[in-house]
């Protein structure tokens, strides 16, 4: 399928301007618009590829630059120590209210398009935390969280003043959580906390744990890439945003 991509600038309720990368199919998109929440490294070429692949699957999709209040427009980071350090500096300045305001602006852009009936969000790592948070607070019908960390803690500003996991009762749509069993950030105890919170809240959900799989397994060419887990995760993403 042919797709069309563009760079956007979206107004946010707090008066800031949110840069984003968007893609759409050449024909009419399906009824579910998708927000892609980036990981530590920003709207990188890999994140743009996810947006493009969602468009190729028939969806209107966009990836907002959630670091826009502290980073230059278009700034993305390499997967090295310098990139990680800069990314954590940005992450530790991303407040809960700002993340939600940005997500709301992105959702508003999607729903302003004729034919978009529901919204979905897909998030990776730090963006997985953001996706879970957004699902708790905003009218999102479908959520895919890939190895979203810090949910039971207050270790990052998005998880304050109280842990994001404690907001689970606010989830009104379906949520799929995907993680590896060797994830150094999200151990077995934390996975069980997430599972219990979703079950206790009565959320329509699925928690999938991939065997012999580490954190950030989704990205080809990286040390933790796991092809089988990635392929399965992609099919589950497409399923949750389509079915």
C-alpha atoms as a PDB file:
ATOM      1  CA  UNK A   1       0.000   0.000   0.000  1.00  0.00           C
ATOM      2  CA  UNK A   2       1.249   3.497  -0.775  1.00  0.00           C
ATOM      3  CA  UNK A   3       1.481   5.840   2.187  1.00  0.00           C
ATOM      4  CA  UNK A   4       1.942   9.587   2.650  1.00  0.00           C
ATOM      5  CA  UNK A   5       4.032  10.988   5.508  1.00  0.00           C
ATOM      6  CA  UNK A   6       4.328  14.475   6.929  1.00  0.00           C
ATOM      7  CA  UNK A   7       5.698  16.504   9.818  1.00  0.00           C
ATOM      8  CA  UNK A   8       3.119  18.236  12.001  1.00  0.00           C
ATOM      9  CA  UNK A   9       2.966  20.951  14.644  1.00  0.00           C
ATOM     10  CA  UNK A  10       0.043  20.466  17.015  1.00  0.00           C
ATOM     11  CA  UNK A  11      -1.213  22.988  19.562  1.00  0.00           C
ATOM     12  CA  UNK A  12      -1.236  21.757  23.167  1.00  0.00           C
ATOM     13  CA  UNK A  13      -3.575  23.016  25.870  1.00  0.00           C
ATOM     14  CA  UNK A  14      -0.658  24.454  27.877  1.00  0.00           C
ATOM     15  CA  UNK A  15       0.274  26.758  25.002  1.00  0.00           C
ATOM     16  CA  UNK A  16       3.219  24.753  23.691  1.00  0.00           C
ATOM     17  CA  UNK A  17       3.557  23.330  20.194  1.00  0.00           C
ATOM     18  CA  UNK A  18       3.952  19.573  19.754  1.00  0.00           C
ATOM     19  CA  UNK A  19       5.982  18.348  16.767  1.00  0.00           C
ATOM     20  CA  UNK A  20       4.912  14.965  15.397  1.00  0.00           C
ATOM     21  CA  UNK A  21       5.541  12.601  12.518  1.00  0.00           C
ATOM     22  CA  UNK A  22       2.418  11.247  10.812  1.00  0.00           C
ATOM     23  CA  UNK A  23       1.635   8.736   8.076  1.00  0.00           C
ATOM     24  CA  UNK A  24      -1.572   7.759   6.365  1.00  0.00           C
ATOM     25  CA  UNK A  25      -2.588   5.219   3.732  1.00  0.00           C
ATOM     26  CA  UNK A  26      -3.207   6.482   0.207  1.00  0.00           C
ATOM     27  CA  UNK A  27      -6.898   5.580   0.447  1.00  0.00           C
ATOM     28  CA  UNK A  28      -9.330   6.110   3.271  1.00  0.00           C
ATOM     29  CA  UNK A  29      -7.805   5.016   6.590  1.00  0.00           C
ATOM     30  CA  UNK A  30      -9.489   2.503   8.838  1.00  0.00           C
ATOM     31  CA  UNK A  31     -11.687   3.670  11.719  1.00  0.00           C
ATOM     32  CA  UNK A  32      -8.949   3.420  14.378  1.00  0.00           C
ATOM     33  CA  UNK A  33      -6.314   6.168  14.563  1.00  0.00           C
ATOM     34  CA  UNK A  34      -3.074   5.306  16.355  1.00  0.00           C
ATOM     35  CA  UNK A  35      -0.643   7.275  18.511  1.00  0.00           C
ATOM     36  CA  UNK A  36       2.874   5.808  18.760  1.00  0.00           C
ATOM     37  CA  UNK A  37       4.669   6.750  21.991  1.00  0.00           C
ATOM     38  CA  UNK A  38       8.429   6.735  21.555  1.00  0.00           C
ATOM     39  CA  UNK A  39      10.954   5.096  23.834  1.00  0.00           C
ATOM     40  CA  UNK A  40      13.899   6.824  25.549  1.00  0.00           C
ATOM     41  CA  UNK A  41      15.511   7.855  22.258  1.00  0.00           C
ATOM     42  CA  UNK A  42      12.737  10.024  20.834  1.00  0.00           C
ATOM     43  CA  UNK A  43      11.063   9.853  17.427  1.00  0.00           C
ATOM     44  CA  UNK A  44      13.895   7.906  15.849  1.00  0.00           C
ATOM     45  CA  UNK A  45      13.951   6.289  12.404  1.00  0.00           C
ATOM     46  CA  UNK A  46      12.740   3.070  14.088  1.00  0.00           C
ATOM     47  CA  UNK A  47       9.724   4.830  15.594  1.00  0.00           C
ATOM     48  CA  UNK A  48       8.969   6.483  12.252  1.00  0.00           C
ATOM     49  CA  UNK A  49       9.071   3.045  10.670  1.00  0.00           C
ATOM     50  CA  UNK A  50       6.431   1.810  13.109  1.00  0.00           C
ATOM     51  CA  UNK A  51       4.235   4.772  12.129  1.00  0.00           C
ATOM     52  CA  UNK A  52       4.786   3.985   8.451  1.00  0.00           C
ATOM     53  CA  UNK A  53       4.050   0.283   8.977  1.00  0.00           C
ATOM     54  CA  UNK A  54       0.785   1.138  10.731  1.00  0.00           C
ATOM     55  CA  UNK A  55      -0.146   3.356   7.789  1.00  0.00           C
ATOM     56  CA  UNK A  56       0.754   0.533   5.437  1.00  0.00           C
ATOM     57  CA  UNK A  57      -1.669  -1.626   7.444  1.00  0.00           C
ATOM     58  CA  UNK A  58      -4.405   0.946   6.771  1.00  0.00           C
ATOM     59  CA  UNK A  59      -4.243   3.226   9.823  1.00  0.00           C
ATOM     60  CA  UNK A  60      -3.801   6.954  10.294  1.00  0.00           C
ATOM     61  CA  UNK A  61      -0.894   7.114  12.757  1.00  0.00           C
ATOM     62  CA  UNK A  62       1.425   9.659  14.340  1.00  0.00           C
ATOM     63  CA  UNK A  63       4.366   9.783  16.736  1.00  0.00           C
ATOM     64  CA  UNK A  64       4.496  12.923  18.899  1.00  0.00           C
ATOM     65  CA  UNK A  65       7.807  14.293  20.185  1.00  0.00           C
ATOM     66  CA  UNK A  66       7.048  14.073  23.900  1.00  0.00           C
ATOM     67  CA  UNK A  67      10.378  15.716  24.793  1.00  0.00           C
ATOM     68  CA  UNK A  68       9.483  18.892  22.917  1.00  0.00           C
ATOM     69  CA  UNK A  69       9.568  21.132  25.994  1.00  0.00           C
ATOM     70  CA  UNK A  70      13.256  20.368  26.602  1.00  0.00           C
ATOM     71  CA  UNK A  71      14.656  19.144  23.267  1.00  0.00           C
ATOM     72  CA  UNK A  72      14.963  20.769  19.866  1.00  0.00           C
ATOM     73  CA  UNK A  73      12.299  19.813  17.283  1.00  0.00           C
ATOM     74  CA  UNK A  74      13.287  16.681  15.402  1.00  0.00           C
ATOM     75  CA  UNK A  75      15.851  15.671  18.008  1.00  0.00           C
ATOM     76  CA  UNK A  76      16.354  11.925  18.329  1.00  0.00           C
ATOM     77  CA  UNK A  77      19.132   9.985  19.997  1.00  0.00           C
ATOM     78  CA  UNK A  78      21.501   7.190  19.075  1.00  0.00           C
ATOM     79  CA  UNK A  79      21.385   3.911  21.003  1.00  0.00           C
ATOM     80  CA  UNK A  80      24.664   4.488  22.793  1.00  0.00           C
ATOM     81  CA  UNK A  81      25.727   5.654  26.232  1.00  0.00           C
ATOM     82  CA  UNK A  82      25.573   9.325  25.274  1.00  0.00           C
ATOM     83  CA  UNK A  83      22.099   8.839  23.819  1.00  0.00           C
ATOM     84  CA  UNK A  84      20.925   7.003  26.911  1.00  0.00           C
ATOM     85  CA  UNK A  85      22.251   9.721  29.207  1.00  0.00           C
ATOM     86  CA  UNK A  86      20.580  12.475  27.205  1.00  0.00           C
ATOM     87  CA  UNK A  87      17.376  10.465  26.932  1.00  0.00           C
ATOM     88  CA  UNK A  88      17.178   9.900  30.689  1.00  0.00           C
ATOM     89  CA  UNK A  89      17.747  13.611  31.237  1.00  0.00           C
ATOM     90  CA  UNK A  90      14.736  14.340  29.020  1.00  0.00           C
ATOM     91  CA  UNK A  91      12.642  11.554  30.558  1.00  0.00           C
ATOM     92  CA  UNK A  92      13.239  12.847  34.060  1.00  0.00           C
ATOM     93  CA  UNK A  93      11.843  16.210  32.985  1.00  0.00           C
ATOM     94  CA  UNK A  94       8.676  14.801  31.373  1.00  0.00           C
ATOM     95  CA  UNK A  95       5.919  15.439  33.889  1.00  0.00           C
ATOM     96  CA  UNK A  96       2.675  13.469  34.073  1.00  0.00           C
ATOM     97  CA  UNK A  97       0.508  16.463  33.178  1.00  0.00           C
ATOM     98  CA  UNK A  98       2.656  17.333  30.187  1.00  0.00           C
ATOM     99  CA  UNK A  99       2.606  13.771  28.870  1.00  0.00           C
ATOM    100  CA  UNK A 100      -1.174  13.629  29.155  1.00  0.00           C
ATOM    101  CA  UNK A 101      -1.613  17.055  27.522  1.00  0.00           C
ATOM    102  CA  UNK A 102       0.537  15.950  24.587  1.00  0.00           C
ATOM    103  CA  UNK A 103      -1.303  12.649  24.239  1.00  0.00           C
ATOM    104  CA  UNK A 104      -4.622  14.493  24.306  1.00  0.00           C
ATOM    105  CA  UNK A 105      -3.431  16.829  21.541  1.00  0.00           C
ATOM    106  CA  UNK A 106      -2.375  13.857  19.419  1.00  0.00           C
ATOM    107  CA  UNK A 107      -5.692  12.088  19.994  1.00  0.00           C
ATOM    108  CA  UNK A 108      -7.532  15.280  19.085  1.00  0.00           C
ATOM    109  CA  UNK A 109      -5.665  15.467  15.779  1.00  0.00           C
ATOM    110  CA  UNK A 110      -6.686  11.898  14.996  1.00  0.00           C
ATOM    111  CA  UNK A 111     -10.358  12.279  15.900  1.00  0.00           C
ATOM    112  CA  UNK A 112     -10.630  15.483  13.869  1.00  0.00           C
ATOM    113  CA  UNK A 113     -10.285  13.349  10.724  1.00  0.00           C
ATOM    114  CA  UNK A 114     -13.539  12.104   9.191  1.00  0.00           C
ATOM    115  CA  UNK A 115     -13.991   8.370   9.581  1.00  0.00           C
ATOM    116  CA  UNK A 116     -11.855   7.980  12.714  1.00  0.00           C
ATOM    117  CA  UNK A 117     -14.202   6.383  15.227  1.00  0.00           C
ATOM    118  CA  UNK A 118     -11.772   5.149  17.893  1.00  0.00           C
ATOM    119  CA  UNK A 119      -8.223   5.787  19.025  1.00  0.00           C
ATOM    120  CA  UNK A 120      -5.381   3.495  19.991  1.00  0.00           C
ATOM    121  CA  UNK A 121      -1.945   4.021  21.489  1.00  0.00           C
ATOM    122  CA  UNK A 122       1.170   1.874  21.117  1.00  0.00           C
ATOM    123  CA  UNK A 123       4.129   2.585  23.392  1.00  0.00           C
ATOM    124  CA  UNK A 124       7.677   1.276  23.750  1.00  0.00           C
ATOM    125  CA  UNK A 125       9.541   1.195  27.097  1.00  0.00           C
ATOM    126  CA  UNK A 126       9.221   4.746  28.520  1.00  0.00           C
ATOM    127  CA  UNK A 127       6.574   5.264  25.853  1.00  0.00           C
ATOM    128  CA  UNK A 128       4.925   2.092  27.103  1.00  0.00           C
ATOM    129  CA  UNK A 129       4.578   3.731  30.508  1.00  0.00           C
ATOM    130  CA  UNK A 130       3.132   6.795  28.788  1.00  0.00           C
ATOM    131  CA  UNK A 131       0.690   4.627  26.815  1.00  0.00           C
ATOM    132  CA  UNK A 132      -0.502   2.904  30.001  1.00  0.00           C
ATOM    133  CA  UNK A 133      -0.897   6.282  31.711  1.00  0.00           C
ATOM    134  CA  UNK A 134      -2.832   7.707  28.765  1.00  0.00           C
ATOM    135  CA  UNK A 135      -5.140   4.684  28.736  1.00  0.00           C
ATOM    136  CA  UNK A 136      -5.874   5.321  32.429  1.00  0.00           C
ATOM    137  CA  UNK A 137      -6.801   8.963  31.945  1.00  0.00           C
ATOM    138  CA  UNK A 138      -7.972   9.479  28.348  1.00  0.00           C
ATOM    139  CA  UNK A 139     -10.712   7.937  26.144  1.00  0.00           C
ATOM    140  CA  UNK A 140      -8.519   5.378  24.386  1.00  0.00           C
ATOM    141  CA  UNK A 141     -10.166   2.212  23.109  1.00  0.00           C
ATOM    142  CA  UNK A 142      -7.075   0.100  22.408  1.00  0.00           C
ATOM    143  CA  UNK A 143      -3.617   0.070  23.984  1.00  0.00           C
ATOM    144  CA  UNK A 144      -0.457  -1.929  23.293  1.00  0.00           C
ATOM    145  CA  UNK A 145       2.291  -1.552  25.902  1.00  0.00           C
ATOM    146  CA  UNK A 146       5.677  -2.990  25.007  1.00  0.00           C
ATOM    147  CA  UNK A 147       7.839  -3.476  28.093  1.00  0.00           C
ATOM    148  CA  UNK A 148       6.622  -0.310  29.814  1.00  0.00           C
ATOM    149  CA  UNK A 149       8.605   0.179  33.015  1.00  0.00           C
ATOM    150  CA  UNK A 150       8.275   2.012  36.339  1.00  0.00           C
ATOM    151  CA  UNK A 151       4.509   1.399  36.546  1.00  0.00           C
ATOM    152  CA  UNK A 152       4.407   0.346  40.246  1.00  0.00           C
ATOM    153  CA  UNK A 153       6.966   2.980  41.353  1.00  0.00           C
ATOM    154  CA  UNK A 154       7.436   6.744  41.455  1.00  0.00           C
ATOM    155  CA  UNK A 155      10.880   6.627  39.850  1.00  0.00           C
ATOM    156  CA  UNK A 156      10.048   8.941  36.936  1.00  0.00           C
ATOM    157  CA  UNK A 157       7.927  12.123  36.868  1.00  0.00           C
ATOM    158  CA  UNK A 158       5.186  10.428  34.801  1.00  0.00           C
ATOM    159  CA  UNK A 159       4.640   8.072  37.743  1.00  0.00           C
ATOM    160  CA  UNK A 160       4.121  10.836  40.291  1.00  0.00           C
ATOM    161  CA  UNK A 161       2.605  11.771  42.678  1.00  0.00           C
ATOM    162  CA  UNK A 162       1.327   8.185  42.956  1.00  0.00           C
ATOM    163  CA  UNK A 163       2.333   5.149  40.889  1.00  0.00           C
ATOM    164  CA  UNK A 164       0.707   4.940  37.479  1.00  0.00           C
ATOM    165  CA  UNK A 165      -0.300   1.342  38.169  1.00  0.00           C
ATOM    166  CA  UNK A 166      -2.654   2.661  40.847  1.00  0.00           C
ATOM    167  CA  UNK A 167      -4.664   4.428  38.123  1.00  0.00           C
ATOM    168  CA  UNK A 168      -5.556   1.163  36.366  1.00  0.00           C
ATOM    169  CA  UNK A 169      -9.247   1.434  37.272  1.00  0.00           C
ATOM    170  CA  UNK A 170      -9.448   4.298  34.771  1.00  0.00           C
ATOM    171  CA  UNK A 171      -8.741   2.046  31.776  1.00  0.00           C
ATOM    172  CA  UNK A 172     -11.940   1.685  29.772  1.00  0.00           C
ATOM    173  CA  UNK A 173     -10.627  -0.064  26.658  1.00  0.00           C
ATOM    174  CA  UNK A 174      -8.604  -3.171  25.812  1.00  0.00           C
ATOM    175  CA  UNK A 175      -4.920  -3.345  26.806  1.00  0.00           C
ATOM    176  CA  UNK A 176      -2.185  -5.765  25.764  1.00  0.00           C
ATOM    177  CA  UNK A 177       1.109  -5.776  27.679  1.00  0.00           C
ATOM    178  CA  UNK A 178       4.107  -7.450  25.984  1.00  0.00           C
ATOM    179  CA  UNK A 179       7.369  -8.188  27.820  1.00  0.00           C
ATOM    180  CA  UNK A 180      10.293 -10.599  27.904  1.00  0.00           C
ATOM    181  CA  UNK A 181      10.941 -12.951  30.813  1.00  0.00           C
ATOM    182  CA  UNK A 182      14.564 -11.753  31.003  1.00  0.00           C
ATOM    183  CA  UNK A 183      13.699  -8.054  31.057  1.00  0.00           C
ATOM    184  CA  UNK A 184      16.126  -6.461  33.525  1.00  0.00           C
ATOM    185  CA  UNK A 185      13.774  -3.511  34.097  1.00  0.00           C
ATOM    186  CA  UNK A 186      10.546  -5.472  34.578  1.00  0.00           C
ATOM    187  CA  UNK A 187      11.090  -8.562  36.699  1.00  0.00           C
ATOM    188  CA  UNK A 188       8.677 -11.367  37.566  1.00  0.00           C
ATOM    189  CA  UNK A 189       7.378  -9.586  40.671  1.00  0.00           C
ATOM    190  CA  UNK A 190       6.600  -6.419  38.736  1.00  0.00           C
ATOM    191  CA  UNK A 191       4.930  -8.409  35.949  1.00  0.00           C
ATOM    192  CA  UNK A 192       2.692 -10.045  38.544  1.00  0.00           C
ATOM    193  CA  UNK A 193       1.813  -6.647  39.997  1.00  0.00           C
ATOM    194  CA  UNK A 194       0.759  -5.460  36.548  1.00  0.00           C
ATOM    195  CA  UNK A 195      -1.227  -8.616  35.896  1.00  0.00           C
ATOM    196  CA  UNK A 196      -3.013  -8.360  39.255  1.00  0.00           C
ATOM    197  CA  UNK A 197      -3.830  -4.667  38.807  1.00  0.00           C
ATOM    198  CA  UNK A 198      -5.392  -5.275  35.395  1.00  0.00           C
ATOM    199  CA  UNK A 199      -7.359  -8.296  36.637  1.00  0.00           C
ATOM    200  CA  UNK A 200      -8.559  -6.573  39.808  1.00  0.00           C
ATOM    201  CA  UNK A 201      -9.727  -3.563  37.775  1.00  0.00           C
ATOM    202  CA  UNK A 202     -11.665  -5.812  35.389  1.00  0.00           C
ATOM    203  CA  UNK A 203      -9.747  -4.511  32.366  1.00  0.00           C
ATOM    204  CA  UNK A 204     -10.094  -6.415  29.102  1.00  0.00           C
ATOM    205  CA  UNK A 205      -6.420  -7.342  28.820  1.00  0.00           C
ATOM    206  CA  UNK A 206      -3.729  -9.812  27.915  1.00  0.00           C
ATOM    207  CA  UNK A 207      -0.230  -9.969  29.400  1.00  0.00           C
ATOM    208  CA  UNK A 208       2.206 -11.851  27.167  1.00  0.00           C
ATOM    209  CA  UNK A 209       5.643 -12.906  28.473  1.00  0.00           C
ATOM    210  CA  UNK A 210       8.170 -14.026  25.846  1.00  0.00           C
ATOM    211  CA  UNK A 211      10.587 -16.759  26.864  1.00  0.00           C
ATOM    212  CA  UNK A 212      14.343 -16.026  26.857  1.00  0.00           C
ATOM    213  CA  UNK A 213      13.673 -12.440  25.788  1.00  0.00           C
ATOM    214  CA  UNK A 214      15.178  -9.209  27.109  1.00  0.00           C
ATOM    215  CA  UNK A 215      14.124  -5.564  27.268  1.00  0.00           C
ATOM    216  CA  UNK A 216      13.773  -3.691  23.958  1.00  0.00           C
ATOM    217  CA  UNK A 217      13.463  -6.923  21.967  1.00  0.00           C
ATOM    218  CA  UNK A 218      11.520  -5.213  19.177  1.00  0.00           C
ATOM    219  CA  UNK A 219      14.340  -3.544  17.266  1.00  0.00           C
ATOM    220  CA  UNK A 220      16.328  -5.420  14.564  1.00  0.00           C
ATOM    221  CA  UNK A 221      20.067  -4.825  14.639  1.00  0.00           C
ATOM    222  CA  UNK A 222      20.214  -4.271  18.413  1.00  0.00           C
ATOM    223  CA  UNK A 223      21.844  -6.615  20.955  1.00  0.00           C
ATOM    224  CA  UNK A 224      18.521  -7.577  22.584  1.00  0.00           C
ATOM    225  CA  UNK A 225      16.550  -8.118  19.361  1.00  0.00           C
ATOM    226  CA  UNK A 226      14.460 -11.300  19.389  1.00  0.00           C
ATOM    227  CA  UNK A 227      12.973 -12.007  15.972  1.00  0.00           C
ATOM    228  CA  UNK A 228      10.260 -14.447  17.030  1.00  0.00           C
ATOM    229  CA  UNK A 229       9.075 -12.212  19.875  1.00  0.00           C
ATOM    230  CA  UNK A 230       9.142  -9.172  17.611  1.00  0.00           C
ATOM    231  CA  UNK A 231       7.087 -10.898  14.915  1.00  0.00           C
ATOM    232  CA  UNK A 232       4.522 -12.093  17.434  1.00  0.00           C
ATOM    233  CA  UNK A 233       4.383  -8.665  19.089  1.00  0.00           C
ATOM    234  CA  UNK A 234       3.769  -6.944  15.766  1.00  0.00           C
ATOM    235  CA  UNK A 235       0.869  -9.250  14.980  1.00  0.00           C
ATOM    236  CA  UNK A 236      -0.594  -8.567  18.433  1.00  0.00           C
ATOM    237  CA  UNK A 237      -0.202  -4.826  17.916  1.00  0.00           C
ATOM    238  CA  UNK A 238      -2.055  -5.035  14.611  1.00  0.00           C
ATOM    239  CA  UNK A 239      -4.730  -7.183  16.227  1.00  0.00           C
ATOM    240  CA  UNK A 240      -5.327  -4.874  19.182  1.00  0.00           C
ATOM    241  CA  UNK A 241      -5.547  -1.742  17.003  1.00  0.00           C
ATOM    242  CA  UNK A 242      -7.736  -3.410  14.361  1.00  0.00           C
ATOM    243  CA  UNK A 243     -10.081  -5.956  15.937  1.00  0.00           C
END
